[in-house]
C-alpha cells in the first residue's frame, strides 16, 4: 500500500479505518470532567484516530461537545453518528504498536 502524507489523509479513508474501532472514551451525562479531558488527550496522542461515545440525548448538546473536544485538542471531527464521534489528530512521533493508522495500514 502506498504511504500517504498525514496532511492529505482523506475523511473517507479515516472513516473506513474507524469503522473497525470501538469507543475508548466514554462521556456520561455529566459532560467533560478534567479526568475525561485528560483521557482524551492521552488517547488521541497514543492512537491518533479514536472513537468517543457520548451518553447525551440532546443532539445539539452532543454536537457542541464534539466541537469543543476537537477545538481543545486541535483534532479533526471525522464522523458523528448517533452517540459516537470519530476524531483524528496526527501525532508527530506515532508508536507503531498503538497508532490506529499504522496498525491498520500494516494489516492490509
Protein backbone atom coordinates (compact mmCIF):
# COMPACT_ATOMS: atom_id res chain seq x y z
CA UNK A 1 0.00 0.00 0.00
CA UNK A 2 1.24 3.43 -0.86
CA UNK A 3 2.14 5.61 2.13
CA UNK A 4 0.06 8.77 2.41
CA UNK A 5 1.15 12.07 3.85
CA UNK A 6 -0.82 12.57 7.07
CA UNK A 7 -1.97 16.02 5.98
CA UNK A 8 -3.60 14.51 2.90
CA UNK A 9 -5.39 11.58 4.53
CA UNK A 10 -8.96 11.61 3.32
CA UNK A 11 -12.01 11.53 5.56
CA UNK A 12 -13.28 8.55 3.60
CA UNK A 13 -10.14 6.57 4.39
CA UNK A 14 -10.28 7.54 8.07
CA UNK A 15 -13.97 6.60 8.28
CA UNK A 16 -13.16 3.18 6.83
CA UNK A 17 -10.48 2.66 9.48
CA UNK A 18 -12.76 3.99 12.21
CA UNK A 19 -15.48 1.54 11.30
CA UNK A 20 -13.42 -1.25 12.86
CA UNK A 21 -12.67 0.65 16.08
CA UNK A 22 -14.54 0.53 19.38
CA UNK A 23 -15.04 3.64 21.53
CA UNK A 24 -12.21 4.05 24.03
CA UNK A 25 -13.50 7.14 25.82
CA UNK A 26 -17.00 7.35 27.30
CA UNK A 27 -18.59 10.65 28.27
CA UNK A 28 -21.52 10.36 30.67
CA UNK A 29 -24.43 12.75 31.15
CA UNK A 30 -22.16 14.75 33.48
CA UNK A 31 -20.20 16.02 30.49
CA UNK A 32 -16.48 16.75 30.22
CA UNK A 33 -14.66 16.49 33.53
CA UNK A 34 -10.94 17.15 33.86
CA UNK A 35 -10.32 13.39 34.04
CA UNK A 36 -12.20 12.81 30.78
CA UNK A 37 -10.29 15.65 29.09
CA UNK A 38 -7.00 14.09 30.21
CA UNK A 39 -8.10 10.68 28.96
CA UNK A 40 -8.99 12.15 25.55
CA UNK A 41 -5.61 13.90 25.28
CA UNK A 42 -3.77 10.69 26.18
CA UNK A 43 -5.86 8.52 23.86
CA UNK A 44 -5.55 10.78 20.84
CA UNK A 45 -1.78 11.11 21.34
CA UNK A 46 -1.38 7.32 21.51
CA UNK A 47 -3.87 6.25 18.85
CA UNK A 48 -4.30 9.29 16.52
CA UNK A 49 -7.76 8.07 15.43
CA UNK A 50 -10.25 7.42 18.23
CA UNK A 51 -13.94 6.86 18.81
CA UNK A 52 -15.71 8.56 21.70
CA UNK A 53 -19.15 7.59 22.97
CA UNK A 54 -21.26 10.47 24.31
CA UNK A 55 -24.20 9.49 26.53
CA UNK A 56 -26.41 12.54 25.94
CA UNK A 57 -29.88 12.62 24.42
CA UNK A 58 -29.82 16.20 23.11
CA UNK A 59 -28.44 16.33 19.56
CA UNK A 60 -27.37 19.98 19.87
CA UNK A 61 -25.51 19.29 23.11
CA UNK A 62 -23.67 16.32 21.55
CA UNK A 63 -22.69 18.46 18.58
CA UNK A 64 -21.49 21.28 20.85
CA UNK A 65 -19.50 18.81 22.94
CA UNK A 66 -17.86 17.20 19.90
CA UNK A 67 -16.83 20.62 18.55
CA UNK A 68 -15.43 21.55 21.97
CA UNK A 69 -13.40 18.33 22.13
CA UNK A 70 -11.96 18.94 18.67
CA UNK A 71 -11.12 22.59 19.35
CA UNK A 72 -9.44 21.87 22.70
CA UNK A 73 -7.31 19.11 21.17
CA UNK A 74 -6.68 20.61 17.71
CA UNK A 75 -8.30 17.48 16.33
CA UNK A 76 -10.46 16.96 13.25
CA UNK A 77 -14.00 15.64 13.53
CA UNK A 78 -14.21 12.82 11.01
CA UNK A 79 -17.66 11.44 11.70
CA UNK A 80 -20.57 11.93 14.06
CA UNK A 81 -23.22 9.21 14.07
CA UNK A 82 -25.70 8.83 16.91
CA UNK A 83 -23.80 8.79 20.20
CA UNK A 84 -20.41 8.07 18.61
CA UNK A 85 -17.86 10.54 17.28
CA UNK A 86 -14.68 9.71 15.40
CA UNK A 87 -11.83 12.19 15.74
CA UNK A 88 -8.33 12.37 14.30
CA UNK A 89 -5.17 14.18 15.26
CA UNK A 90 -1.87 13.41 13.64
CA UNK A 91 0.94 12.53 16.04
CA UNK A 92 4.46 13.81 15.41
CA UNK A 93 6.06 10.58 16.58
CA UNK A 94 3.43 7.80 16.45
CA UNK A 95 4.04 4.49 18.19
CA UNK A 96 3.56 1.75 15.56
CA UNK A 97 2.08 -0.59 18.16
CA UNK A 98 -0.55 1.92 19.35
CA UNK A 99 -1.35 4.17 16.40
CA UNK A 100 -4.58 3.00 14.76
CA UNK A 101 -3.39 4.40 11.43
CA UNK A 102 -0.13 2.48 11.40
CA UNK A 103 -1.61 -0.74 12.79
CA UNK A 104 -4.47 -0.80 10.27
CA UNK A 105 -2.20 0.10 7.36
CA UNK A 106 0.13 -2.80 8.22
CA UNK A 107 -2.80 -5.25 8.16
CA UNK A 108 -3.70 -4.50 4.56
